Structures are given as structure tokens and as C-alpha cells.
Amino acid sequence: MTKLVIFHNPRCSKSRQTLALIAEQGSDPEIVEYLKTPPSLPELKHALSLLGMAPQDVLRKGEEEYKALNLKEFNGSSDELIAIMCAHPKLIERPIVIHGEQACLGRPPENVLEIL
């Protein structure tokens, strides 16, 4: 059976909706509450690779940390930005769902149907 993982924030309505949709499809994912257990740099790099996205594509620009860290002016490397996102997981858009070697961003939640 292919591993199914959701980087989940239970306080986020889209994350809860995505998790409910996964359950409706009969799947039982590994739930990673990424605010409690942030991904490592290699884990987030792998997720981004599967998503086909750059770190900036999953960066939550409305978060206080984004402003406090002056990320609008960030001009470092992708690895440096990923490290910042791992250190400040609120900056990571959610939910990210990984199913084997496929991934999607659950915005909208129905995106997850493409990889189940």
C-alpha cells in the first residue's frame, strides 16, 4: 500500500476539509501536525519537489513571521528559505498531501482527489 501523508493544521478549515475528504475516500493517512512537528529541510525539499513548486509558492505571506523576518525582501537561496520555513512552520501553506511519489496542495480540498 502506498503511503499517504497529510501535513495538517487542525485549526485550518481547508486542512480539516481536506482530511475529511481523504477519509470519505476510505483512506487513512498519516497525519503530521506540522506546527508541532515541523518538517526537516530534506522533508520539505522532497515535498516541494513532488509538488513541482518553489518555496515561494507555498509561503504564507499573510503571517506575522513573514513580515517580522522581512521575507518580502528575501534574496537568499531556496535552501535558506526552506530552512526558514522549517524553523517557522506557520509560514508553510497547508495542507500538503503526499501519496507515494505524488503530492498536492489541498487548496481547494478537492485537489487531493487527483492523487488518491
PDB file of N, CA and C in Angstrom:
ATOM      1  N   MET A   1       0.840  -1.191   0.000  1.00  0.00           N
ATOM      2  CA  MET A   1       0.000   0.000   0.000  1.00  0.00           C
ATOM      3  C   MET A   1       0.881   1.249   0.000  1.00  0.00           C
ATOM      4  N   THR A   2       0.519   2.207  -0.830  1.00  0.00           N
ATOM      5  CA  THR A   2       1.277   3.446  -0.950  1.00  0.00           C
ATOM      6  C   THR A   2       1.003   4.338   0.251  1.00  0.00           C
ATOM      7  N   LYS A   3       2.060   4.900   0.788  1.00  0.00           N
ATOM      8  CA  LYS A   3       1.951   5.752   1.964  1.00  0.00           C
ATOM      9  C   LYS A   3       1.241   7.063   1.617  1.00  0.00           C
ATOM     10  N   LEU A   4       0.332   7.475   2.490  1.00  0.00           N
ATOM     11  CA  LEU A   4      -0.422   8.710   2.343  1.00  0.00           C
ATOM     12  C   LEU A   4      -0.180   9.558   3.586  1.00  0.00           C
ATOM     13  N   VAL A   5       0.304  10.784   3.370  1.00  0.00           N
ATOM     14  CA  VAL A   5       0.657  11.680   4.477  1.00  0.00           C
ATOM     15  C   VAL A   5       0.006  13.028   4.245  1.00  0.00           C
ATOM     16  N   ILE A   6      -0.514  13.625   5.317  1.00  0.00           N
ATOM     17  CA  ILE A   6      -1.036  14.981   5.232  1.00  0.00           C
ATOM     18  C   ILE A   6      -0.328  15.847   6.268  1.00  0.00           C
ATOM     19  N   PHE A   7       0.246  16.943   5.799  1.00  0.00           N
ATOM     20  CA  PHE A   7       0.803  17.954   6.695  1.00  0.00           C
ATOM     21  C   PHE A   7      -0.380  18.839   7.065  1.00  0.00           C
ATOM     22  N   HIS A   8      -0.832  18.678   8.295  1.00  0.00           N
ATOM     23  CA  HIS A   8      -2.146  19.128   8.731  1.00  0.00           C
ATOM     24  C   HIS A   8      -2.055  20.145   9.855  1.00  0.00           C
ATOM     25  N   ASN A   9      -2.959  21.126   9.807  1.00  0.00           N
ATOM     26  CA  ASN A   9      -3.156  22.064  10.906  1.00  0.00           C
ATOM     27  C   ASN A   9      -4.625  21.960  11.293  1.00  0.00           C
ATOM     28  N   PRO A  10      -4.933  21.363  12.445  1.00  0.00           N
ATOM     29  CA  PRO A  10      -6.330  21.156  12.821  1.00  0.00           C
ATOM     30  C   PRO A  10      -7.126  22.447  13.008  1.00  0.00           C
ATOM     31  N   ARG A  11      -6.455  23.576  13.125  1.00  0.00           N
ATOM     32  CA  ARG A  11      -7.153  24.853  13.270  1.00  0.00           C
ATOM     33  C   ARG A  11      -7.526  25.477  11.934  1.00  0.00           C
ATOM     34  N   CYS A  12      -7.056  24.892  10.840  1.00  0.00           N
ATOM     35  CA  CYS A  12      -7.293  25.422   9.498  1.00  0.00           C
ATOM     36  C   CYS A  12      -8.486  24.703   8.862  1.00  0.00           C
ATOM     37  N   SER A  13      -9.480  25.463   8.409  1.00  0.00           N
ATOM     38  CA  SER A  13     -10.684  24.857   7.834  1.00  0.00           C
ATOM     39  C   SER A  13     -10.367  24.073   6.559  1.00  0.00           C
ATOM     40  N   LYS A  14      -9.488  24.582   5.703  1.00  0.00           N
ATOM     41  CA  LYS A  14      -9.141  23.872   4.467  1.00  0.00           C
ATOM     42  C   LYS A  14      -8.418  22.561   4.783  1.00  0.00           C
ATOM     43  N   SER A  15      -7.591  22.583   5.801  1.00  0.00           N
ATOM     44  CA  SER A  15      -6.881  21.375   6.201  1.00  0.00           C
ATOM     45  C   SER A  15      -7.878  20.339   6.744  1.00  0.00           C
ATOM     46  N   ARG A  16      -8.813  20.783   7.562  1.00  0.00           N
ATOM     47  CA  ARG A  16      -9.838  19.867   8.086  1.00  0.00           C
ATOM     48  C   ARG A  16     -10.710  19.319   6.960  1.00  0.00           C
ATOM     49  N   GLN A  17     -11.078  20.176   6.019  1.00  0.00           N
ATOM     50  CA  GLN A  17     -11.900  19.722   4.887  1.00  0.00           C
ATOM     51  C   GLN A  17     -11.151  18.704   4.033  1.00  0.00           C
ATOM     52  N   THR A  18      -9.879  18.950   3.816  1.00  0.00           N
ATOM     53  CA  THR A  18      -9.067  18.016   3.030  1.00  0.00           C
ATOM     54  C   THR A  18      -8.965  16.678   3.742  1.00  0.00           C
ATOM     55  N   LEU A  19      -8.720  16.700   5.032  1.00  0.00           N
ATOM     56  CA  LEU A  19      -8.640  15.454   5.805  1.00  0.00           C
ATOM     57  C   LEU A  19      -9.968  14.699   5.754  1.00  0.00           C
ATOM     58  N   ALA A  20     -11.080  15.418   5.868  1.00  0.00           N
ATOM     59  CA  ALA A  20     -12.402  14.779   5.799  1.00  0.00           C
ATOM     60  C   ALA A  20     -12.625  14.150   4.421  1.00  0.00           C
ATOM     61  N   LEU A  21     -12.202  14.831   3.371  1.00  0.00           N
ATOM     62  CA  LEU A  21     -12.354  14.307   2.017  1.00  0.00           C
ATOM     63  C   LEU A  21     -11.522  13.039   1.826  1.00  0.00           C
ATOM     64  N   ILE A  22     -10.332  13.030   2.383  1.00  0.00           N
ATOM     65  CA  ILE A  22      -9.481  11.828   2.322  1.00  0.00           C
ATOM     66  C   ILE A  22     -10.184  10.667   3.028  1.00  0.00           C
ATOM     67  N   ALA A  23     -10.747  10.937   4.197  1.00  0.00           N
ATOM     68  CA  ALA A  23     -11.449   9.896   4.955  1.00  0.00           C
ATOM     69  C   ALA A  23     -12.675   9.394   4.184  1.00  0.00           C
ATOM     70  N   GLU A  24     -13.398  10.306   3.535  1.00  0.00           N
ATOM     71  CA  GLU A  24     -14.567   9.919   2.738  1.00  0.00           C
ATOM     72  C   GLU A  24     -14.186   8.967   1.612  1.00  0.00           C
ATOM     73  N   GLN A  25     -12.957   9.077   1.138  1.00  0.00           N
ATOM     74  CA  GLN A  25     -12.481   8.213   0.060  1.00  0.00           C
ATOM     75  C   GLN A  25     -11.979   6.872   0.586  1.00  0.00           C
ATOM     76  N   GLY A  26     -12.079   6.676   1.901  1.00  0.00           N
ATOM     77  CA  GLY A  26     -11.684   5.406   2.507  1.00  0.00           C
ATOM     78  C   GLY A  26     -10.215   5.298   2.840  1.00  0.00           C
ATOM     79  N   SER A  27      -9.505   6.410   2.807  1.00  0.00           N
ATOM     80  CA  SER A  27      -8.076   6.389   3.112  1.00  0.00           C
ATOM     81  C   SER A  27      -7.831   6.805   4.558  1.00  0.00           C
ATOM     82  N   ASP A  28      -6.760   6.283   5.101  1.00  0.00           N
ATOM     83  CA  ASP A  28      -6.376   6.580   6.484  1.00  0.00           C
ATOM     84  C   ASP A  28      -4.939   7.108   6.464  1.00  0.00           C
ATOM     85  N   PRO A  29      -4.792   8.425   6.302  1.00  0.00           N
ATOM     86  CA  PRO A  29      -3.438   8.973   6.142  1.00  0.00           C
ATOM     87  C   PRO A  29      -2.676   9.076   7.459  1.00  0.00           C
ATOM     88  N   GLU A  30      -1.369   9.144   7.325  1.00  0.00           N
ATOM     89  CA  GLU A  30      -0.531   9.536   8.452  1.00  0.00           C
ATOM     90  C   GLU A  30      -0.708  11.043   8.586  1.00  0.00           C
ATOM     91  N   ILE A  31      -1.097  11.486   9.768  1.00  0.00           N
ATOM     92  CA  ILE A  31      -1.343  12.908   9.995  1.00  0.00           C
ATOM     93  C   ILE A  31      -0.133  13.504  10.699  1.00  0.00           C
ATOM     94  N   VAL A  32       0.472  14.485  10.049  1.00  0.00           N
ATOM     95  CA  VAL A  32       1.614  15.180  10.627  1.00  0.00           C
ATOM     96  C   VAL A  32       1.148  16.595  10.971  1.00  0.00           C
ATOM     97  N   GLU A  33       0.999  16.863  12.260  1.00  0.00           N
ATOM     98  CA  GLU A  33       0.658  18.215  12.691  1.00  0.00           C
ATOM     99  C   GLU A  33       1.944  19.020  12.644  1.00  0.00           C
ATOM    100  N   TYR A  34       2.164  19.643  11.498  1.00  0.00           N
ATOM    101  CA  TYR A  34       3.466  20.233  11.200  1.00  0.00           C
ATOM    102  C   TYR A  34       3.816  21.437  12.077  1.00  0.00           C
ATOM    103  N   LEU A  35       2.837  22.031  12.753  1.00  0.00           N
ATOM    104  CA  LEU A  35       3.183  23.104  13.688  1.00  0.00           C
ATOM    105  C   LEU A  35       3.816  22.537  14.955  1.00  0.00           C
ATOM    106  N   LYS A  36       3.424  21.300  15.319  1.00  0.00           N
ATOM    107  CA  LYS A  36       4.014  20.617  16.474  1.00  0.00           C
ATOM    108  C   LYS A  36       5.286  19.875  16.086  1.00  0.00           C
ATOM    109  N   THR A  37       5.279  19.308  14.892  1.00  0.00           N
ATOM    110  CA  THR A  37       6.419  18.538  14.390  1.00  0.00           C
ATOM    111  C   THR A  37       6.773  19.071  13.002  1.00  0.00           C
ATOM    112  N   PRO A  38       7.551  20.157  12.956  1.00  0.00           N
ATOM    113  CA  PRO A  38       7.887  20.749  11.655  1.00  0.00           C
ATOM    114  C   PRO A  38       8.695  19.785  10.788  1.00  0.00           C
ATOM    115  N   PRO A  39       8.516  19.889   9.467  1.00  0.00           N
ATOM    116  CA  PRO A  39       9.320  19.038   8.594  1.00  0.00           C
ATOM    117  C   PRO A  39      10.783  19.462   8.646  1.00  0.00           C
ATOM    118  N   SER A  40      11.648  18.504   8.374  1.00  0.00           N
ATOM    119  CA  SER A  40      13.069  18.819   8.256  1.00  0.00           C
ATOM    120  C   SER A  40      13.292  19.449   6.884  1.00  0.00           C
ATOM    121  N   LEU A  41      14.465  20.021   6.691  1.00  0.00           N
ATOM    122  CA  LEU A  41      14.800  20.604   5.401  1.00  0.00           C
ATOM    123  C   LEU A  41      14.687  19.565   4.283  1.00  0.00           C
ATOM    124  N   PRO A  42      15.241  18.347   4.447  1.00  0.00           N
ATOM    125  CA  PRO A  42      15.090  17.350   3.369  1.00  0.00           C
ATOM    126  C   PRO A  42      13.625  16.959   3.132  1.00  0.00           C
ATOM    127  N   GLU A  43      12.834  16.869   4.189  1.00  0.00           N
ATOM    128  CA  GLU A  43      11.417  16.505   4.018  1.00  0.00           C
ATOM    129  C   GLU A  43      10.660  17.583   3.239  1.00  0.00           C
ATOM    130  N   LEU A  44      10.884  18.852   3.587  1.00  0.00           N
ATOM    131  CA  LEU A  44      10.182  19.925   2.893  1.00  0.00           C
ATOM    132  C   LEU A  44      10.680  20.048   1.452  1.00  0.00           C
ATOM    133  N   LYS A  45      11.984  19.870   1.240  1.00  0.00           N
ATOM    134  CA  LYS A  45      12.517  19.888  -0.131  1.00  0.00           C
ATOM    135  C   LYS A  45      11.877  18.788  -0.975  1.00  0.00           C
ATOM    136  N   HIS A  46      11.733  17.602  -0.394  1.00  0.00           N
ATOM    137  CA  HIS A  46      11.118  16.479  -1.102  1.00  0.00           C
ATOM    138  C   HIS A  46       9.656  16.797  -1.436  1.00  0.00           C
ATOM    139  N   ALA A  47       8.929  17.333  -0.466  1.00  0.00           N
ATOM    140  CA  ALA A  47       7.525  17.694  -0.702  1.00  0.00           C
ATOM    141  C   ALA A  47       7.415  18.726  -1.820  1.00  0.00           C
ATOM    142  N   LEU A  48       8.269  19.731  -1.793  1.00  0.00           N
ATOM    143  CA  LEU A  48       8.254  20.758  -2.832  1.00  0.00           C
ATOM    144  C   LEU A  48       8.578  20.161  -4.207  1.00  0.00           C
ATOM    145  N   SER A  49       9.515  19.222  -4.222  1.00  0.00           N
ATOM    146  CA  SER A  49       9.873  18.549  -5.475  1.00  0.00           C
ATOM    147  C   SER A  49       8.670  17.787  -6.034  1.00  0.00           C
ATOM    148  N   LEU A  50       7.972  17.064  -5.164  1.00  0.00           N
ATOM    149  CA  LEU A  50       6.788  16.323  -5.605  1.00  0.00           C
ATOM    150  C   LEU A  50       5.671  17.261  -6.051  1.00  0.00           C
ATOM    151  N   LEU A  51       5.556  18.401  -5.383  1.00  0.00           N
ATOM    152  CA  LEU A  51       4.553  19.395  -5.758  1.00  0.00           C
ATOM    153  C   LEU A  51       4.905  20.105  -7.062  1.00  0.00           C
ATOM    154  N   GLY A  52       6.205  20.117  -7.386  1.00  0.00           N
ATOM    155  CA  GLY A  52       6.667  20.877  -8.539  1.00  0.00           C
ATOM    156  C   GLY A  52       6.595  22.370  -8.286  1.00  0.00           C
ATOM    157  N   MET A  53       6.833  22.744  -7.027  1.00  0.00           N
ATOM    158  CA  MET A  53       6.721  24.143  -6.627  1.00  0.00           C
ATOM    159  C   MET A  53       8.012  24.624  -5.979  1.00  0.00           C
ATOM    160  N   ALA A  54       8.207  25.912  -6.050  1.00  0.00           N
ATOM    161  CA  ALA A  54       9.321  26.568  -5.360  1.00  0.00           C
ATOM    162  C   ALA A  54       8.865  26.924  -3.949  1.00  0.00           C
ATOM    163  N   PRO A  55       9.814  27.146  -3.039  1.00  0.00           N
ATOM    164  CA  PRO A  55       9.428  27.513  -1.666  1.00  0.00           C
ATOM    165  C   PRO A  55       8.494  28.727  -1.623  1.00  0.00           C
ATOM    166  N   GLN A  56       8.729  29.694  -2.495  1.00  0.00           N
ATOM    167  CA  GLN A  56       7.897  30.898  -2.519  1.00  0.00           C
ATOM    168  C   GLN A  56       6.439  30.582  -2.846  1.00  0.00           C
ATOM    169  N   ASP A  57       6.205  29.468  -3.553  1.00  0.00           N
ATOM    170  CA  ASP A  57       4.846  29.087  -3.950  1.00  0.00           C
ATOM    171  C   ASP A  57       3.999  28.601  -2.776  1.00  0.00           C
ATOM    172  N   VAL A  58       4.647  28.157  -1.702  1.00  0.00           N
ATOM    173  CA  VAL A  58       3.902  27.660  -0.539  1.00  0.00           C
ATOM    174  C   VAL A  58       4.192  28.500   0.705  1.00  0.00           C
ATOM    175  N   LEU A  59       4.618  29.710   0.478  1.00  0.00           N
ATOM    176  CA  LEU A  59       4.949  30.634   1.562  1.00  0.00           C
ATOM    177  C   LEU A  59       3.719  31.467   1.901  1.00  0.00           C
ATOM    178  N   ARG A  60       3.295  31.421   3.155  1.00  0.00           N
ATOM    179  CA  ARG A  60       2.125  32.180   3.606  1.00  0.00           C
ATOM    180  C   ARG A  60       2.554  33.622   3.891  1.00  0.00           C
ATOM    181  N   LYS A  61       2.240  34.476   2.956  1.00  0.00           N
ATOM    182  CA  LYS A  61       2.697  35.863   3.034  1.00  0.00           C
ATOM    183  C   LYS A  61       1.908  36.720   4.020  1.00  0.00           C
ATOM    184  N   GLY A  62       0.779  36.227   4.499  1.00  0.00           N
ATOM    185  CA  GLY A  62      -0.025  36.979   5.458  1.00  0.00           C
ATOM    186  C   GLY A  62       0.344  36.740   6.910  1.00  0.00           C
ATOM    187  N   GLU A  63       1.260  35.831   7.159  1.00  0.00           N
ATOM    188  CA  GLU A  63       1.654  35.505   8.530  1.00  0.00           C
ATOM    189  C   GLU A  63       2.556  36.581   9.119  1.00  0.00           C
ATOM    190  N   GLU A  64       2.445  36.764  10.418  1.00  0.00           N
ATOM    191  CA  GLU A  64       3.260  37.753  11.126  1.00  0.00           C
ATOM    192  C   GLU A  64       4.753  37.470  10.949  1.00  0.00           C
ATOM    193  N   GLU A  65       5.133  36.182  10.940  1.00  0.00           N
ATOM    194  CA  GLU A  65       6.534  35.818  10.769  1.00  0.00           C
ATOM    195  C   GLU A  65       7.079  36.302   9.422  1.00  0.00           C
ATOM    196  N   TYR A  66       6.230  36.290   8.405  1.00  0.00           N
ATOM    197  CA  TYR A  66       6.651  36.750   7.076  1.00  0.00           C
ATOM    198  C   TYR A  66       7.097  38.208   7.150  1.00  0.00           C
ATOM    199  N   LYS A  67       6.290  39.010   7.849  1.00  0.00           N
ATOM    200  CA  LYS A  67       6.616  40.429   7.998  1.00  0.00           C
ATOM    201  C   LYS A  67       7.811  40.618   8.929  1.00  0.00           C
ATOM    202  N   ALA A  68       7.800  39.901  10.060  1.00  0.00           N
ATOM    203  CA  ALA A  68       8.858  40.052  11.059  1.00  0.00           C
ATOM    204  C   ALA A  68      10.227  39.665  10.501  1.00  0.00           C
ATOM    205  N   LEU A  69      10.254  38.664   9.632  1.00  0.00           N
ATOM    206  CA  LEU A  69      11.512  38.207   9.033  1.00  0.00           C
ATOM    207  C   LEU A  69      11.848  38.951   7.739  1.00  0.00           C
ATOM    208  N   ASN A  70      10.998  39.913   7.374  1.00  0.00           N
ATOM    209  CA  ASN A  70      11.203  40.730   6.177  1.00  0.00           C
ATOM    210  C   ASN A  70      11.397  39.851   4.929  1.00  0.00           C
ATOM    211  N   LEU A  71      10.562  38.837   4.796  1.00  0.00           N
ATOM    212  CA  LEU A  71      10.729  37.890   3.693  1.00  0.00           C
ATOM    213  C   LEU A  71      10.321  38.468   2.345  1.00  0.00           C
ATOM    214  N   LYS A  72       9.609  39.577   2.340  1.00  0.00           N
ATOM    215  CA  LYS A  72       9.284  40.226   1.068  1.00  0.00           C
ATOM    216  C   LYS A  72      10.570  40.647   0.355  1.00  0.00           C
ATOM    217  N   GLU A  73      11.592  40.967   1.134  1.00  0.00           N
ATOM    218  CA  GLU A  73      12.875  41.409   0.582  1.00  0.00           C
ATOM    219  C   GLU A  73      13.911  40.276   0.506  1.00  0.00           C
ATOM    220  N   PHE A  74      13.494  39.034   0.807  1.00  0.00           N
ATOM    221  CA  PHE A  74      14.426  37.902   0.847  1.00  0.00           C
ATOM    222  C   PHE A  74      15.053  37.667  -0.519  1.00  0.00           C
ATOM    223  N   ASN A  75      16.367  37.526  -0.539  1.00  0.00           N
ATOM    224  CA  ASN A  75      17.050  37.234  -1.803  1.00  0.00           C
ATOM    225  C   ASN A  75      18.096  36.133  -1.636  1.00  0.00           C
ATOM    226  N   GLY A  76      17.881  35.265  -0.643  1.00  0.00           N
ATOM    227  CA  GLY A  76      18.790  34.146  -0.416  1.00  0.00           C
ATOM    228  C   GLY A  76      18.433  32.963  -1.303  1.00  0.00           C
ATOM    229  N   SER A  77      19.057  31.847  -1.026  1.00  0.00           N
ATOM    230  CA  SER A  77      18.841  30.631  -1.817  1.00  0.00           C
ATOM    231  C   SER A  77      17.537  29.937  -1.412  1.00  0.00           C
ATOM    232  N   SER A  78      17.118  29.016  -2.250  1.00  0.00           N
ATOM    233  CA  SER A  78      15.934  28.209  -1.940  1.00  0.00           C
ATOM    234  C   SER A  78      16.136  27.417  -0.655  1.00  0.00           C
ATOM    235  N   ASP A  79      17.343  26.842  -0.483  1.00  0.00           N
ATOM    236  CA  ASP A  79      17.611  26.071   0.734  1.00  0.00           C
ATOM    237  C   ASP A  79      17.531  26.959   1.974  1.00  0.00           C
ATOM    238  N   GLU A  80      17.995  28.191   1.865  1.00  0.00           N
ATOM    239  CA  GLU A  80      17.912  29.105   3.011  1.00  0.00           C
ATOM    240  C   GLU A  80      16.463  29.425   3.333  1.00  0.00           C
ATOM    241  N   LEU A  81      15.638  29.621   2.311  1.00  0.00           N
ATOM    242  CA  LEU A  81      14.233  29.905   2.542  1.00  0.00           C
ATOM    243  C   LEU A  81      13.516  28.688   3.123  1.00  0.00           C
ATOM    244  N   ILE A  82      13.833  27.515   2.627  1.00  0.00           N
ATOM    245  CA  ILE A  82      13.239  26.292   3.161  1.00  0.00           C
ATOM    246  C   ILE A  82      13.626  26.123   4.631  1.00  0.00           C
ATOM    247  N   ALA A  83      14.866  26.407   4.977  1.00  0.00           N
ATOM    248  CA  ALA A  83      15.309  26.318   6.372  1.00  0.00           C
ATOM    249  C   ALA A  83      14.521  27.289   7.252  1.00  0.00           C
ATOM    250  N   ILE A  84      14.259  28.483   6.738  1.00  0.00           N
ATOM    251  CA  ILE A  84      13.456  29.456   7.491  1.00  0.00           C
ATOM    252  C   ILE A  84      12.036  28.913   7.684  1.00  0.00           C
ATOM    253  N   MET A  85      11.490  28.326   6.643  1.00  0.00           N
ATOM    254  CA  MET A  85      10.138  27.782   6.725  1.00  0.00           C
ATOM    255  C   MET A  85      10.068  26.618   7.718  1.00  0.00           C
ATOM    256  N   CYS A  86      11.100  25.814   7.774  1.00  0.00           N
ATOM    257  CA  CYS A  86      11.137  24.713   8.745  1.00  0.00           C
ATOM    258  C   CYS A  86      11.234  25.248  10.173  1.00  0.00           C
ATOM    259  N   ALA A  87      11.980  26.331  10.349  1.00  0.00           N
ATOM    260  CA  ALA A  87      12.132  26.938  11.672  1.00  0.00           C
ATOM    261  C   ALA A  87      10.878  27.705  12.091  1.00  0.00           C
ATOM    262  N   HIS A  88      10.093  28.133  11.099  1.00  0.00           N
ATOM    263  CA  HIS A  88       8.868  28.899  11.343  1.00  0.00           C
ATOM    264  C   HIS A  88       7.741  28.247  10.526  1.00  0.00           C
ATOM    265  N   PRO A  89       7.251  27.072  10.970  1.00  0.00           N
ATOM    266  CA  PRO A  89       6.321  26.296  10.138  1.00  0.00           C
ATOM    267  C   PRO A  89       4.989  26.992   9.838  1.00  0.00           C
ATOM    268  N   LYS A  90       4.649  28.043  10.580  1.00  0.00           N
ATOM    269  CA  LYS A  90       3.429  28.796  10.241  1.00  0.00           C
ATOM    270  C   LYS A  90       3.515  29.383   8.841  1.00  0.00           C
ATOM    271  N   LEU A  91       4.729  29.525   8.333  1.00  0.00           N
ATOM    272  CA  LEU A  91       4.937  30.094   7.003  1.00  0.00           C
ATOM    273  C   LEU A  91       4.586  29.126   5.877  1.00  0.00           C
ATOM    274  N   ILE A  92       4.394  27.844   6.195  1.00  0.00           N
ATOM    275  CA  ILE A  92       4.143  26.825   5.177  1.00  0.00           C
ATOM    276  C   ILE A  92       2.639  26.739   4.895  1.00  0.00           C
ATOM    277  N   GLU A  93       2.272  26.884   3.626  1.00  0.00           N
ATOM    278  CA  GLU A  93       0.874  26.751   3.221  1.00  0.00           C
ATOM    279  C   GLU A  93       0.402  25.341   3.531  1.00  0.00           C
ATOM    280  N   ARG A  94      -0.856  25.218   3.858  1.00  0.00           N
ATOM    281  CA  ARG A  94      -1.398  23.918   4.223  1.00  0.00           C
ATOM    282  C   ARG A  94      -2.749  23.720   3.563  1.00  0.00           C
ATOM    283  N   PRO A  95      -3.143  22.462   3.524  1.00  0.00           N
ATOM    284  CA  PRO A  95      -2.395  21.243   3.822  1.00  0.00           C
ATOM    285  C   PRO A  95      -1.630  20.753   2.602  1.00  0.00           C
ATOM    286  N   ILE A  96      -0.523  20.122   2.849  1.00  0.00           N
ATOM    287  CA  ILE A  96       0.214  19.425   1.796  1.00  0.00           C
ATOM    288  C   ILE A  96      -0.074  17.944   1.978  1.00  0.00           C
ATOM    289  N   VAL A  97      -0.487  17.299   0.903  1.00  0.00           N
ATOM    290  CA  VAL A  97      -0.802  15.872   0.937  1.00  0.00           C
ATOM    291  C   VAL A  97       0.165  15.159   0.003  1.00  0.00           C
ATOM    292  N   ILE A  98       0.786  14.110   0.528  1.00  0.00           N
ATOM    293  CA  ILE A  98       1.726  13.309  -0.257  1.00  0.00           C
ATOM    294  C   ILE A  98       1.197  11.884  -0.318  1.00  0.00           C
ATOM    295  N   HIS A  99       1.109  11.357  -1.527  1.00  0.00           N
ATOM    296  CA  HIS A  99       0.667   9.980  -1.738  1.00  0.00           C
ATOM    297  C   HIS A  99       1.682   9.303  -2.640  1.00  0.00           C
ATOM    298  N   GLY A 100       2.559   8.526  -2.011  1.00  0.00           N
ATOM    299  CA  GLY A 100       3.625   7.889  -2.772  1.00  0.00           C
ATOM    300  C   GLY A 100       4.560   8.930  -3.362  1.00  0.00           C
ATOM    301  N   GLU A 101       4.643   8.971  -4.686  1.00  0.00           N
ATOM    302  CA  GLU A 101       5.512   9.929  -5.369  1.00  0.00           C
ATOM    303  C   GLU A 101       4.720  11.065  -6.010  1.00  0.00           C
ATOM    304  N   GLN A 102       3.525  11.321  -5.457  1.00  0.00           N
ATOM    305  CA  GLN A 102       2.699  12.431  -5.910  1.00  0.00           C
ATOM    306  C   GLN A 102       2.369  13.311  -4.708  1.00  0.00           C
ATOM    307  N   ALA A 103       2.110  14.569  -4.975  1.00  0.00           N
ATOM    308  CA  ALA A 103       1.723  15.476  -3.895  1.00  0.00           C
ATOM    309  C   ALA A 103       0.809  16.551  -4.459  1.00  0.00           C
ATOM    310  N   CYS A 104       0.040  17.153  -3.565  1.00  0.00           N
ATOM    311  CA  CYS A 104      -0.800  18.280  -3.950  1.00  0.00           C
ATOM    312  C   CYS A 104      -1.001  19.174  -2.742  1.00  0.00           C
ATOM    313  N   LEU A 105      -1.401  20.373  -3.024  1.00  0.00           N
ATOM    314  CA  LEU A 105      -1.765  21.332  -2.004  1.00  0.00           C
ATOM    315  C   LEU A 105      -3.286  21.289  -1.914  1.00  0.00           C
ATOM    316  N   GLY A 106      -3.820  21.081  -0.727  1.00  0.00           N
ATOM    317  CA  GLY A 106      -5.266  20.948  -0.535  1.00  0.00           C
ATOM    318  C   GLY A 106      -5.997  22.272  -0.538  1.00  0.00           C
ATOM    319  N   ARG A 107      -5.723  23.093  -1.506  1.00  0.00           N
ATOM    320  CA  ARG A 107      -6.411  24.373  -1.703  1.00  0.00           C
ATOM    321  C   ARG A 107      -6.774  24.486  -3.170  1.00  0.00           C
ATOM    322  N   PRO A 108      -7.984  24.158  -3.522  1.00  0.00           N
ATOM    323  CA  PRO A 108      -9.101  23.706  -2.698  1.00  0.00           C
ATOM    324  C   PRO A 108      -8.928  22.237  -2.296  1.00  0.00           C
ATOM    325  N   PRO A 109      -9.690  21.807  -1.298  1.00  0.00           N
ATOM    326  CA  PRO A 109      -9.560  20.432  -0.811  1.00  0.00           C
ATOM    327  C   PRO A 109      -9.713  19.380  -1.907  1.00  0.00           C
ATOM    328  N   GLU A 110     -10.528  19.664  -2.907  1.00  0.00           N
ATOM    329  CA  GLU A 110     -10.778  18.699  -3.985  1.00  0.00           C
ATOM    330  C   GLU A 110      -9.527  18.350  -4.772  1.00  0.00           C
ATOM    331  N   ASN A 111      -8.483  19.165  -4.667  1.00  0.00           N
ATOM    332  CA  ASN A 111      -7.220  18.842  -5.345  1.00  0.00           C
ATOM    333  C   ASN A 111      -6.711  17.463  -4.952  1.00  0.00           C
ATOM    334  N   VAL A 112      -6.995  17.062  -3.729  1.00  0.00           N
ATOM    335  CA  VAL A 112      -6.473  15.790  -3.220  1.00  0.00           C
ATOM    336  C   VAL A 112      -7.012  14.591  -4.006  1.00  0.00           C
ATOM    337  N   LEU A 113      -8.173  14.740  -4.607  1.00  0.00           N
ATOM    338  CA  LEU A 113      -8.775  13.626  -5.372  1.00  0.00           C
ATOM    339  C   LEU A 113      -7.888  13.218  -6.541  1.00  0.00           C
ATOM    340  N   GLU A 114      -7.090  14.146  -7.061  1.00  0.00           N
ATOM    341  CA  GLU A 114      -6.221  13.859  -8.199  1.00  0.00           C
ATOM    342  C   GLU A 114      -5.113  12.859  -7.858  1.00  0.00           C
ATOM    343  N   ILE A 115      -4.750  12.744  -6.584  1.00  0.00           N
ATOM    344  CA  ILE A 115      -3.629  11.858  -6.236  1.00  0.00           C
ATOM    345  C   ILE A 115      -4.043  10.656  -5.391  1.00  0.00           C
ATOM    346  N   LEU A 116      -5.320  10.550  -5.069  1.00  0.00           N
ATOM    347  CA  LEU A 116      -5.765   9.381  -4.283  1.00  0.00           C
ATOM    348  C   LEU A 116      -5.990   8.177  -5.164  1.00  0.00           C
TER     349      LEU A 116
END
